[in-house]
PDB file of N, CA and C in Angstrom:
ATOM      1  N   UNK A   1    -128.647  40.177 137.967  1.00  0.00           N
ATOM      2  CA  UNK A   1    -128.305  38.875 137.433  1.00  0.00           C
ATOM      3  C   UNK A   1    -128.397  38.946 135.913  1.00  0.00           C
ATOM      4  N   UNK A   2    -127.360  38.545 135.222  1.00  0.00           N
ATOM      5  CA  UNK A   2    -127.342  38.539 133.761  1.00  0.00           C
ATOM      6  C   UNK A   2    -127.327  37.087 133.307  1.00  0.00           C
ATOM      7  N   UNK A   3    -128.235  36.776 132.373  1.00  0.00           N
ATOM      8  CA  UNK A   3    -128.429  35.393 131.961  1.00  0.00           C
ATOM      9  C   UNK A   3    -128.434  35.279 130.441  1.00  0.00           C
ATOM     10  N   UNK A   4    -128.343  34.036 129.980  1.00  0.00           N
ATOM     11  CA  UNK A   4    -128.531  33.727 128.567  1.00  0.00           C
ATOM     12  C   UNK A   4    -129.939  33.183 128.407  1.00  0.00           C
ATOM     13  N   UNK A   5    -130.655  33.710 127.414  1.00  0.00           N
ATOM     14  CA  UNK A   5    -132.036  33.307 127.158  1.00  0.00           C
ATOM     15  C   UNK A   5    -132.116  32.692 125.761  1.00  0.00           C
ATOM     16  N   UNK A   6    -132.682  31.493 125.670  1.00  0.00           N
ATOM     17  CA  UNK A   6    -132.896  30.824 124.399  1.00  0.00           C
ATOM     18  C   UNK A   6    -134.208  31.323 123.804  1.00  0.00           C
ATOM     19  N   UNK A   7    -134.153  31.891 122.586  1.00  0.00           N
ATOM     20  CA  UNK A   7    -135.342  32.444 121.944  1.00  0.00           C
ATOM     21  C   UNK A   7    -136.078  31.435 121.086  1.00  0.00           C
ATOM     22  N   UNK A   8    -135.487  30.260 120.916  1.00  0.00           N
ATOM     23  CA  UNK A   8    -136.025  29.283 119.986  1.00  0.00           C
ATOM     24  C   UNK A   8    -135.200  29.255 118.708  1.00  0.00           C
ATOM     25  N   UNK A   9    -134.389  30.302 118.523  1.00  0.00           N
ATOM     26  CA  UNK A   9    -133.508  30.388 117.366  1.00  0.00           C
ATOM     27  C   UNK A   9    -132.103  30.839 117.752  1.00  0.00           C
ATOM     28  N   UNK A  10    -132.013  31.722 118.737  1.00  0.00           N
ATOM     29  CA  UNK A  10    -130.737  32.297 119.160  1.00  0.00           C
ATOM     30  C   UNK A  10    -130.646  32.292 120.679  1.00  0.00           C
ATOM     31  N   UNK A  11    -129.408  32.450 121.170  1.00  0.00           N
ATOM     32  CA  UNK A  11    -129.188  32.682 122.595  1.00  0.00           C
ATOM     33  C   UNK A  11    -128.842  34.158 122.747  1.00  0.00           C
ATOM     34  N   UNK A  12    -129.590  34.853 123.605  1.00  0.00           N
ATOM     35  CA  UNK A  12    -129.370  36.280 123.818  1.00  0.00           C
ATOM     36  C   UNK A  12    -128.993  36.515 125.271  1.00  0.00           C
ATOM     37  N   UNK A  13    -128.202  37.546 125.512  1.00  0.00           N
ATOM     38  CA  UNK A  13    -127.818  37.926 126.870  1.00  0.00           C
ATOM     39  C   UNK A  13    -128.796  38.994 127.353  1.00  0.00           C
ATOM     40  N   UNK A  14    -129.412  38.743 128.508  1.00  0.00           N
ATOM     41  CA  UNK A  14    -130.403  39.659 129.078  1.00  0.00           C
ATOM     42  C   UNK A  14    -130.200  39.766 130.580  1.00  0.00           C
ATOM     43  N   UNK A  15    -130.667  40.852 131.140  1.00  0.00           N
ATOM     44  CA  UNK A  15    -130.610  41.065 132.589  1.00  0.00           C
ATOM     45  C   UNK A  15    -131.963  40.674 133.179  1.00  0.00           C
ATOM     46  N   UNK A  16    -131.958  39.937 134.294  1.00  0.00           N
ATOM     47  CA  UNK A  16    -133.194  39.573 134.990  1.00  0.00           C
ATOM     48  C   UNK A  16    -133.631  40.789 135.816  1.00  0.00           C
ATOM     49  N   UNK A  17    -134.854  41.251 135.556  1.00  0.00           N
ATOM     50  CA  UNK A  17    -135.386  42.427 136.241  1.00  0.00           C
ATOM     51  C   UNK A  17    -136.526  42.095 137.192  1.00  0.00           C
ATOM     52  N   UNK A  18    -137.205  40.989 136.959  1.00  0.00           N
ATOM     53  CA  UNK A  18    -138.320  40.600 137.804  1.00  0.00           C
ATOM     54  C   UNK A  18    -138.357  39.099 137.983  1.00  0.00           C
ATOM     55  N   UNK A  19    -138.737  38.678 139.174  1.00  0.00           N
ATOM     56  CA  UNK A  19    -138.772  37.267 139.552  1.00  0.00           C
ATOM     57  C   UNK A  19    -140.211  36.776 139.708  1.00  0.00           C
ATOM     58  N   UNK A  20    -140.414  35.460 139.677  1.00  0.00           N
ATOM     59  CA  UNK A  20    -141.759  34.921 139.880  1.00  0.00           C
ATOM     60  C   UNK A  20    -142.382  35.472 141.172  1.00  0.00           C
ATOM     61  N   UNK A  21    -143.650  35.878 141.046  1.00  0.00           N
ATOM     62  CA  UNK A  21    -144.375  36.394 142.205  1.00  0.00           C
ATOM     63  C   UNK A  21    -144.216  37.888 142.434  1.00  0.00           C
ATOM     64  N   UNK A  22    -143.348  38.549 141.683  1.00  0.00           N
ATOM     65  CA  UNK A  22    -143.172  39.991 141.850  1.00  0.00           C
ATOM     66  C   UNK A  22    -144.151  40.745 140.959  1.00  0.00           C
ATOM     67  N   UNK A  23    -144.569  41.912 141.434  1.00  0.00           N
ATOM     68  CA  UNK A  23    -145.441  42.800 140.682  1.00  0.00           C
ATOM     69  C   UNK A  23    -144.553  43.794 139.950  1.00  0.00           C
ATOM     70  N   UNK A  24    -144.671  43.867 138.638  1.00  0.00           N
ATOM     71  CA  UNK A  24    -143.812  44.750 137.856  1.00  0.00           C
ATOM     72  C   UNK A  24    -144.654  45.766 137.089  1.00  0.00           C
ATOM     73  N   UNK A  25    -144.061  46.926 136.840  1.00  0.00           N
ATOM     74  CA  UNK A  25    -144.682  47.975 136.026  1.00  0.00           C
ATOM     75  C   UNK A  25    -143.566  48.879 135.527  1.00  0.00           C
ATOM     76  N   UNK A  26    -143.825  49.591 134.433  1.00  0.00           N
ATOM     77  CA  UNK A  26    -142.876  50.584 133.948  1.00  0.00           C
ATOM     78  C   UNK A  26    -143.657  51.837 133.582  1.00  0.00           C
ATOM     79  N   UNK A  27    -143.188  52.978 134.106  1.00  0.00           N
ATOM     80  CA  UNK A  27    -143.794  54.264 133.784  1.00  0.00           C
ATOM     81  C   UNK A  27    -142.689  55.224 133.369  1.00  0.00           C
ATOM     82  N   UNK A  28    -142.850  55.805 132.195  1.00  0.00           N
ATOM     83  CA  UNK A  28    -141.871  56.755 131.657  1.00  0.00           C
ATOM     84  C   UNK A  28    -140.459  56.191 131.660  1.00  0.00           C
ATOM     85  N   UNK A  29    -140.331  54.899 131.366  1.00  0.00           N
ATOM     86  CA  UNK A  29    -139.024  54.266 131.282  1.00  0.00           C
ATOM     87  C   UNK A  29    -138.432  53.837 132.608  1.00  0.00           C
ATOM     88  N   UNK A  30    -139.135  54.068 133.720  1.00  0.00           N
ATOM     89  CA  UNK A  30    -138.649  53.660 135.043  1.00  0.00           C
ATOM     90  C   UNK A  30    -139.368  52.381 135.442  1.00  0.00           C
ATOM     91  N   UNK A  31    -138.598  51.333 135.756  1.00  0.00           N
ATOM     92  CA  UNK A  31    -139.153  50.047 136.131  1.00  0.00           C
ATOM     93  C   UNK A  31    -139.455  50.027 137.626  1.00  0.00           C
ATOM     94  N   UNK A  32    -140.642  49.552 137.974  1.00  0.00           N
ATOM     95  CA  UNK A  32    -141.059  49.404 139.374  1.00  0.00           C
ATOM     96  C   UNK A  32    -141.251  47.924 139.666  1.00  0.00           C
ATOM     97  N   UNK A  33    -140.636  47.464 140.749  1.00  0.00           N
ATOM     98  CA  UNK A  33    -140.787  46.089 141.202  1.00  0.00           C
ATOM     99  C   UNK A  33    -141.426  46.147 142.588  1.00  0.00           C
ATOM    100  N   UNK A  34    -142.600  45.551 142.707  1.00  0.00           N
ATOM    101  CA  UNK A  34    -143.370  45.580 143.954  1.00  0.00           C
ATOM    102  C   UNK A  34    -143.576  47.011 144.444  1.00  0.00           C
ATOM    103  N   UNK A  35    -143.810  47.933 143.498  1.00  0.00           N
ATOM    104  CA  UNK A  35    -144.117  49.322 143.815  1.00  0.00           C
ATOM    105  C   UNK A  35    -142.922  50.234 144.006  1.00  0.00           C
ATOM    106  N   UNK A  36    -141.719  49.687 144.091  1.00  0.00           N
ATOM    107  CA  UNK A  36    -140.517  50.501 144.321  1.00  0.00           C
ATOM    108  C   UNK A  36    -139.737  50.660 143.010  1.00  0.00           C
ATOM    109  N   UNK A  37    -139.267  51.873 142.715  1.00  0.00           N
ATOM    110  CA  UNK A  37    -138.469  52.050 141.495  1.00  0.00           C
ATOM    111  C   UNK A  37    -137.158  51.279 141.594  1.00  0.00           C
ATOM    112  N   UNK A  38    -136.765  50.658 140.501  1.00  0.00           N
ATOM    113  CA  UNK A  38    -135.541  49.880 140.455  1.00  0.00           C
ATOM    114  C   UNK A  38    -134.405  50.792 139.993  1.00  0.00           C
ATOM    115  N   UNK A  39    -133.337  50.873 140.770  1.00  0.00           N
ATOM    116  CA  UNK A  39    -132.154  51.633 140.386  1.00  0.00           C
ATOM    117  C   UNK A  39    -131.380  50.811 139.359  1.00  0.00           C
ATOM    118  N   UNK A  40    -131.143  51.394 138.193  1.00  0.00           N
ATOM    119  CA  UNK A  40    -130.502  50.663 137.106  1.00  0.00           C
ATOM    120  C   UNK A  40    -129.322  51.455 136.522  1.00  0.00           C
ATOM    121  N   UNK A  41    -128.203  51.524 137.243  1.00  0.00           N
ATOM    122  CA  UNK A  41    -127.056  52.294 136.737  1.00  0.00           C
ATOM    123  C   UNK A  41    -126.416  51.695 135.491  1.00  0.00           C
ATOM    124  N   UNK A  42    -126.713  50.439 135.191  1.00  0.00           N
ATOM    125  CA  UNK A  42    -126.148  49.738 134.048  1.00  0.00           C
ATOM    126  C   UNK A  42    -126.867  50.043 132.742  1.00  0.00           C
ATOM    127  N   UNK A  43    -128.036  50.683 132.794  1.00  0.00           N
ATOM    128  CA  UNK A  43    -128.793  50.975 131.574  1.00  0.00           C
ATOM    129  C   UNK A  43    -128.050  52.038 130.778  1.00  0.00           C
ATOM    130  N   UNK A  44    -127.765  51.708 129.507  1.00  0.00           N
ATOM    131  CA  UNK A  44    -126.988  52.608 128.658  1.00  0.00           C
ATOM    132  C   UNK A  44    -127.846  53.697 128.026  1.00  0.00           C
ATOM    133  N   UNK A  45    -128.967  53.335 127.448  1.00  0.00           N
ATOM    134  CA  UNK A  45    -129.843  54.294 126.792  1.00  0.00           C
ATOM    135  C   UNK A  45    -131.269  53.992 127.220  1.00  0.00           C
ATOM    136  N   UNK A  46    -131.882  54.919 127.938  1.00  0.00           N
ATOM    137  CA  UNK A  46    -133.259  54.707 128.395  1.00  0.00           C
ATOM    138  C   UNK A  46    -134.238  55.131 127.314  1.00  0.00           C
ATOM    139  N   UNK A  47    -135.428  54.605 127.415  1.00  0.00           N
ATOM    140  CA  UNK A  47    -136.523  55.095 126.591  1.00  0.00           C
ATOM    141  C   UNK A  47    -137.669  55.450 127.538  1.00  0.00           C
ATOM    142  N   UNK A  48    -138.776  55.854 127.004  1.00  0.00           N
ATOM    143  CA  UNK A  48    -139.899  56.286 127.840  1.00  0.00           C
ATOM    144  C   UNK A  48    -141.047  55.282 127.810  1.00  0.00           C
ATOM    145  N   UNK A  49    -140.718  53.992 127.756  1.00  0.00           N
ATOM    146  CA  UNK A  49    -141.734  52.945 127.660  1.00  0.00           C
ATOM    147  C   UNK A  49    -142.601  52.859 128.910  1.00  0.00           C
ATOM    148  N   UNK A  50    -143.793  52.325 128.716  1.00  0.00           N
ATOM    149  CA  UNK A  50    -144.707  52.018 129.807  1.00  0.00           C
ATOM    150  C   UNK A  50    -145.095  50.550 129.706  1.00  0.00           C
ATOM    151  N   UNK A  51    -145.182  49.880 130.849  1.00  0.00           N
ATOM    152  CA  UNK A  51    -145.691  48.517 130.938  1.00  0.00           C
ATOM    153  C   UNK A  51    -146.760  48.535 132.019  1.00  0.00           C
ATOM    154  N   UNK A  52    -147.935  48.061 131.671  1.00  0.00           N
ATOM    155  CA  UNK A  52    -149.029  48.015 132.646  1.00  0.00           C
ATOM    156  C   UNK A  52    -148.634  47.127 133.822  1.00  0.00           C
ATOM    157  N   UNK A  53    -149.052  47.480 135.036  1.00  0.00           N
ATOM    158  CA  UNK A  53    -148.724  46.646 136.207  1.00  0.00           C
ATOM    159  C   UNK A  53    -149.230  45.219 136.025  1.00  0.00           C
ATOM    160  N   UNK A  54    -148.431  44.276 136.510  1.00  0.00           N
ATOM    161  CA  UNK A  54    -148.818  42.879 136.426  1.00  0.00           C
ATOM    162  C   UNK A  54    -147.959  42.011 137.321  1.00  0.00           C
ATOM    163  N   UNK A  55    -148.516  40.903 137.718  1.00  0.00           N
ATOM    164  CA  UNK A  55    -147.837  39.948 138.588  1.00  0.00           C
ATOM    165  C   UNK A  55    -147.177  38.871 137.728  1.00  0.00           C
ATOM    166  N   UNK A  56    -145.893  38.617 137.963  1.00  0.00           N
ATOM    167  CA  UNK A  56    -145.201  37.542 137.248  1.00  0.00           C
ATOM    168  C   UNK A  56    -145.639  36.209 137.835  1.00  0.00           C
ATOM    169  N   UNK A  57    -146.048  35.312 136.975  1.00  0.00           N
ATOM    170  CA  UNK A  57    -146.520  34.010 137.410  1.00  0.00           C
ATOM    171  C   UNK A  57    -145.389  33.080 137.814  1.00  0.00           C
ATOM    172  N   UNK A  58    -145.735  31.891 138.286  1.00  0.00           N
ATOM    173  CA  UNK A  58    -144.719  30.896 138.640  1.00  0.00           C
ATOM    174  C   UNK A  58    -143.830  30.599 137.427  1.00  0.00           C
ATOM    175  N   UNK A  59    -142.549  30.479 137.662  1.00  0.00           N
ATOM    176  CA  UNK A  59    -141.579  30.152 136.615  1.00  0.00           C
ATOM    177  C   UNK A  59    -141.473  31.207 135.531  1.00  0.00           C
ATOM    178  N   UNK A  60    -141.877  32.462 135.811  1.00  0.00           N
ATOM    179  CA  UNK A  60    -141.827  33.543 134.826  1.00  0.00           C
ATOM    180  C   UNK A  60    -140.880  34.636 135.332  1.00  0.00           C
ATOM    181  N   UNK A  61    -140.022  35.132 134.419  1.00  0.00           N
ATOM    182  CA  UNK A  61    -139.024  36.145 134.737  1.00  0.00           C
ATOM    183  C   UNK A  61    -139.142  37.299 133.746  1.00  0.00           C
ATOM    184  N   UNK A  62    -138.974  38.527 134.219  1.00  0.00           N
ATOM    185  CA  UNK A  62    -138.905  39.683 133.341  1.00  0.00           C
ATOM    186  C   UNK A  62    -137.445  39.913 132.998  1.00  0.00           C
ATOM    187  N   UNK A  63    -137.122  39.999 131.694  1.00  0.00           N
ATOM    188  CA  UNK A  63    -135.741  40.198 131.248  1.00  0.00           C
ATOM    189  C   UNK A  63    -135.687  41.318 130.225  1.00  0.00           C
ATOM    190  N   UNK A  64    -134.503  41.962 130.129  1.00  0.00           N
ATOM    191  CA  UNK A  64    -134.283  43.005 129.123  1.00  0.00           C
ATOM    192  C   UNK A  64    -132.789  43.204 128.951  1.00  0.00           C
ATOM    193  N   UNK A  65    -132.426  43.795 127.820  1.00  0.00           N
ATOM    194  CA  UNK A  65    -131.047  44.198 127.602  1.00  0.00           C
ATOM    195  C   UNK A  65    -130.796  45.546 128.263  1.00  0.00           C
ATOM    196  N   UNK A  66    -129.539  45.938 128.359  1.00  0.00           N
ATOM    197  CA  UNK A  66    -129.192  47.199 129.019  1.00  0.00           C
ATOM    198  C   UNK A  66    -129.368  48.415 128.123  1.00  0.00           C
ATOM    199  N   UNK A  67    -129.442  48.225 126.822  1.00  0.00           N
ATOM    200  CA  UNK A  67    -129.704  49.322 125.899  1.00  0.00           C
ATOM    201  C   UNK A  67    -131.200  49.336 125.633  1.00  0.00           C
ATOM    202  N   UNK A  68    -131.964  50.013 126.488  1.00  0.00           N
ATOM    203  CA  UNK A  68    -133.419  49.934 126.441  1.00  0.00           C
ATOM    204  C   UNK A  68    -134.016  50.527 125.180  1.00  0.00           C
ATOM    205  N   UNK A  69    -133.303  51.406 124.477  1.00  0.00           N
ATOM    206  CA  UNK A  69    -133.867  51.971 123.260  1.00  0.00           C
ATOM    207  C   UNK A  69    -133.850  50.965 122.107  1.00  0.00           C
ATOM    208  N   UNK A  70    -133.084  49.861 122.248  1.00  0.00           N
ATOM    209  CA  UNK A  70    -132.976  48.881 121.167  1.00  0.00           C
ATOM    210  C   UNK A  70    -133.216  47.452 121.625  1.00  0.00           C
ATOM    211  N   UNK A  71    -133.800  47.254 122.775  1.00  0.00           N
ATOM    212  CA  UNK A  71    -133.997  45.899 123.281  1.00  0.00           C
ATOM    213  C   UNK A  71    -135.473  45.589 123.423  1.00  0.00           C
ATOM    214  N   UNK A  72    -135.750  44.327 123.560  1.00  0.00           N
ATOM    215  CA  UNK A  72    -137.108  43.879 123.859  1.00  0.00           C
ATOM    216  C   UNK A  72    -137.158  43.541 125.343  1.00  0.00           C
ATOM    217  N   UNK A  73    -138.148  44.087 126.011  1.00  0.00           N
ATOM    218  CA  UNK A  73    -138.405  43.718 127.403  1.00  0.00           C
ATOM    219  C   UNK A  73    -139.418  42.592 127.341  1.00  0.00           C
ATOM    220  N   UNK A  74    -139.082  41.439 127.945  1.00  0.00           N
ATOM    221  CA  UNK A  74    -139.922  40.266 127.760  1.00  0.00           C
ATOM    222  C   UNK A  74    -140.095  39.489 129.055  1.00  0.00           C
ATOM    223  N   UNK A  75    -141.185  38.778 129.128  1.00  0.00           N
ATOM    224  CA  UNK A  75    -141.412  37.802 130.193  1.00  0.00           C
ATOM    225  C   UNK A  75    -141.104  36.443 129.585  1.00  0.00           C
ATOM    226  N   UNK A  76    -140.197  35.704 130.233  1.00  0.00           N
ATOM    227  CA  UNK A  76    -139.794  34.395 129.714  1.00  0.00           C
ATOM    228  C   UNK A  76    -140.018  33.319 130.770  1.00  0.00           C
ATOM    229  N   UNK A  77    -140.259  32.111 130.296  1.00  0.00           N
ATOM    230  CA  UNK A  77    -140.363  30.961 131.189  1.00  0.00           C
ATOM    231  C   UNK A  77    -138.979  30.556 131.679  1.00  0.00           C
ATOM    232  N   UNK A  78    -138.918  29.959 132.842  1.00  0.00           N
ATOM    233  CA  UNK A  78    -137.663  29.495 133.434  1.00  0.00           C
ATOM    234  C   UNK A  78    -136.894  28.587 132.478  1.00  0.00           C
ATOM    235  N   UNK A  79    -137.591  27.745 131.734  1.00  0.00           N
ATOM    236  CA  UNK A  79    -136.880  26.808 130.856  1.00  0.00           C
ATOM    237  C   UNK A  79    -136.192  27.486 129.683  1.00  0.00           C
ATOM    238  N   UNK A  80    -136.475  28.770 129.427  1.00  0.00           N
ATOM    239  CA  UNK A  80    -135.788  29.531 128.378  1.00  0.00           C
ATOM    240  C   UNK A  80    -134.456  30.113 128.877  1.00  0.00           C
ATOM    241  N   UNK A  81    -134.243  30.131 130.187  1.00  0.00           N
ATOM    242  CA  UNK A  81    -132.984  30.626 130.745  1.00  0.00           C
ATOM    243  C   UNK A  81    -132.005  29.460 130.754  1.00  0.00           C
ATOM    244  N   UNK A  82    -130.973  29.569 129.896  1.00  0.00           N
ATOM    245  CA  UNK A  82    -130.070  28.435 129.701  1.00  0.00           C
ATOM    246  C   UNK A  82    -128.674  28.678 130.245  1.00  0.00           C
ATOM    247  N   UNK A  83    -128.368  29.882 130.668  1.00  0.00           N
ATOM    248  CA  UNK A  83    -127.026  30.172 131.171  1.00  0.00           C
ATOM    249  C   UNK A  83    -127.017  31.396 132.045  1.00  0.00           C
ATOM    250  N   UNK A  84    -125.952  31.529 132.779  1.00  0.00           N
ATOM    251  CA  UNK A  84    -125.760  32.658 133.684  1.00  0.00           C
ATOM    252  C   UNK A  84    -124.430  33.309 133.312  1.00  0.00           C
ATOM    253  N   UNK A  85    -124.444  34.599 133.020  1.00  0.00           N
ATOM    254  CA  UNK A  85    -123.221  35.301 132.656  1.00  0.00           C
ATOM    255  C   UNK A  85    -122.460  35.618 133.935  1.00  0.00           C
ATOM    256  N   UNK A  86    -121.231  35.136 134.000  1.00  0.00           N
ATOM    257  CA  UNK A  86    -120.429  35.298 135.208  1.00  0.00           C
ATOM    258  C   UNK A  86    -119.613  36.576 135.203  1.00  0.00           C
ATOM    259  N   UNK A  87    -119.063  36.941 134.036  1.00  0.00           N
ATOM    260  CA  UNK A  87    -118.233  38.150 133.965  1.00  0.00           C
ATOM    261  C   UNK A  87    -117.988  38.498 132.503  1.00  0.00           C
ATOM    262  N   UNK A  88    -117.524  39.730 132.294  1.00  0.00           N
ATOM    263  CA  UNK A  88    -117.087  40.139 130.964  1.00  0.00           C
ATOM    264  C   UNK A  88    -115.584  39.964 130.895  1.00  0.00           C
ATOM    265  N   UNK A  89    -115.104  39.521 129.766  1.00  0.00           N
ATOM    266  CA  UNK A  89    -113.677  39.321 129.586  1.00  0.00           C
ATOM    267  C   UNK A  89    -113.288  39.879 128.222  1.00  0.00           C
ATOM    268  N   UNK A  90    -112.503  40.953 128.226  1.00  0.00           N
ATOM    269  CA  UNK A  90    -112.054  41.592 126.989  1.00  0.00           C
ATOM    270  C   UNK A  90    -113.225  41.933 126.078  1.00  0.00           C
ATOM    271  N   UNK A  91    -114.277  42.504 126.659  1.00  0.00           N
ATOM    272  CA  UNK A  91    -115.428  42.917 125.879  1.00  0.00           C
ATOM    273  C   UNK A  91    -116.424  41.818 125.573  1.00  0.00           C
ATOM    274  N   UNK A  92    -116.042  40.568 125.773  1.00  0.00           N
ATOM    275  CA  UNK A  92    -116.968  39.451 125.528  1.00  0.00           C
ATOM    276  C   UNK A  92    -117.556  39.003 126.860  1.00  0.00           C
ATOM    277  N   UNK A  93    -118.716  38.426 126.826  1.00  0.00           N
ATOM    278  CA  UNK A  93    -119.339  37.932 128.036  1.00  0.00           C
ATOM    279  C   UNK A  93    -119.069  36.447 128.180  1.00  0.00           C
ATOM    280  N   UNK A  94    -118.638  36.051 129.370  1.00  0.00           N
ATOM    281  CA  UNK A  94    -118.329  34.655 129.656  1.00  0.00           C
ATOM    282  C   UNK A  94    -119.510  34.077 130.419  1.00  0.00           C
ATOM    283  N   UNK A  95    -120.040  32.967 129.945  1.00  0.00           N
ATOM    284  CA  UNK A  95    -121.227  32.385 130.565  1.00  0.00           C
ATOM    285  C   UNK A  95    -120.973  30.934 130.916  1.00  0.00           C
ATOM    286  N   UNK A  96    -121.794  30.448 131.824  1.00  0.00           N
ATOM    287  CA  UNK A  96    -121.778  29.033 132.162  1.00  0.00           C
ATOM    288  C   UNK A  96    -123.170  28.492 131.859  1.00  0.00           C
ATOM    289  N   UNK A  97    -123.249  27.325 131.257  1.00  0.00           N
ATOM    290  CA  UNK A  97    -124.544  26.727 130.932  1.00  0.00           C
ATOM    291  C   UNK A  97    -125.068  25.997 132.164  1.00  0.00           C
ATOM    292  N   UNK A  98    -126.328  26.202 132.438  1.00  0.00           N
ATOM    293  CA  UNK A  98    -126.956  25.625 133.629  1.00  0.00           C
ATOM    294  C   UNK A  98    -127.907  24.505 133.227  1.00  0.00           C
ATOM    295  N   UNK A  99    -128.027  23.513 134.061  1.00  0.00           N
ATOM    296  CA  UNK A  99    -129.046  22.488 133.860  1.00  0.00           C
ATOM    297  C   UNK A  99    -130.366  22.919 134.487  1.00  0.00           C
ATOM    298  N   UNK A 100    -130.285  23.594 135.625  1.00  0.00           N
ATOM    299  CA  UNK A 100    -131.490  24.041 136.322  1.00  0.00           C
ATOM    300  C   UNK A 100    -131.197  25.403 136.942  1.00  0.00           C
ATOM    301  N   UNK A 101    -131.734  26.506 136.381  1.00  0.00           N
ATOM    302  CA  UNK A 101    -131.461  27.834 136.912  1.00  0.00           C
ATOM    303  C   UNK A 101    -131.844  28.006 138.384  1.00  0.00           C
ATOM    304  N   UNK A 102    -132.835  27.272 138.858  1.00  0.00           N
ATOM    305  CA  UNK A 102    -133.220  27.394 140.267  1.00  0.00           C
ATOM    306  C   UNK A 102    -132.060  26.962 141.158  1.00  0.00           C
ATOM    307  N   UNK A 103    -131.371  25.891 140.774  1.00  0.00           N
ATOM    308  CA  UNK A 103    -130.239  25.425 141.560  1.00  0.00           C
ATOM    309  C   UNK A 103    -129.111  26.430 141.576  1.00  0.00           C
ATOM    310  N   UNK A 104    -129.032  27.263 140.554  1.00  0.00           N
ATOM    311  CA  UNK A 104    -127.986  28.286 140.487  1.00  0.00           C
ATOM    312  C   UNK A 104    -128.351  29.520 141.295  1.00  0.00           C
ATOM    313  N   UNK A 105    -129.540  29.549 141.872  1.00  0.00           N
ATOM    314  CA  UNK A 105    -129.917  30.648 142.752  1.00  0.00           C
ATOM    315  C   UNK A 105    -130.748  31.730 142.118  1.00  0.00           C
ATOM    316  N   UNK A 106    -131.203  31.572 140.873  1.00  0.00           N
ATOM    317  CA  UNK A 106    -131.980  32.623 140.241  1.00  0.00           C
ATOM    318  C   UNK A 106    -133.268  32.902 140.995  1.00  0.00           C
ATOM    319  N   UNK A 107    -133.973  31.887 141.411  1.00  0.00           N
ATOM    320  CA  UNK A 107    -135.259  32.085 142.085  1.00  0.00           C
ATOM    321  C   UNK A 107    -135.076  32.541 143.520  1.00  0.00           C
ATOM    322  N   UNK A 108    -133.870  32.428 144.052  1.00  0.00           N
ATOM    323  CA  UNK A 108    -133.628  32.794 145.438  1.00  0.00           C
ATOM    324  C   UNK A 108    -133.104  34.201 145.624  1.00  0.00           C
ATOM    325  N   UNK A 109    -133.039  34.996 144.551  1.00  0.00           N
ATOM    326  CA  UNK A 109    -132.526  36.359 144.695  1.00  0.00           C
ATOM    327  C   UNK A 109    -133.500  37.207 145.497  1.00  0.00           C
ATOM    328  N   UNK A 110    -132.986  37.912 146.477  1.00  0.00           N
ATOM    329  CA  UNK A 110    -133.853  38.781 147.281  1.00  0.00           C
ATOM    330  C   UNK A 110    -134.212  40.040 146.503  1.00  0.00           C
ATOM    331  N   UNK A 111    -133.261  40.610 145.779  1.00  0.00           N
ATOM    332  CA  UNK A 111    -133.533  41.773 144.951  1.00  0.00           C
ATOM    333  C   UNK A 111    -132.671  41.688 143.709  1.00  0.00           C
ATOM    334  N   UNK A 112    -133.212  42.117 142.612  1.00  0.00           N
ATOM    335  CA  UNK A 112    -132.525  42.017 141.330  1.00  0.00           C
ATOM    336  C   UNK A 112    -132.056  43.404 140.935  1.00  0.00           C
ATOM    337  N   UNK A 113    -130.849  43.487 140.398  1.00  0.00           N
ATOM    338  CA  UNK A 113    -130.365  44.744 139.855  1.00  0.00           C
ATOM    339  C   UNK A 113    -129.794  45.696 140.879  1.00  0.00           C
ATOM    340  N   UNK A 114    -129.582  45.251 142.092  1.00  0.00           N
ATOM    341  CA  UNK A 114    -129.012  46.148 143.106  1.00  0.00           C
ATOM    342  C   UNK A 114    -127.711  45.613 143.600  1.00  0.00           C
TER     343      UNK A 114
END
């Protein structure tokens, strides 16, 4: 799932990697969700980052860009997710603005990134 995230100053496009209630960790640049490695064929440039294991709280999502060597991996509140990217069109990303991401199905995803 690719979404638009409001940073307080800008809107950035990020991929949702972890959902509320999921246990996340990263070892040597490989992301683990609930103990299983996440297959990420969309990642353009990997790095060797580590993230200590942790449980995402209610209304918290793990997001990152696809160029991991130049992106910030962050945990954001649901209210910071303001749009859902539907498709790319001529190199640009086309998004729809959401009033409530839960209604759009973000919290109901069974698995992210597959």
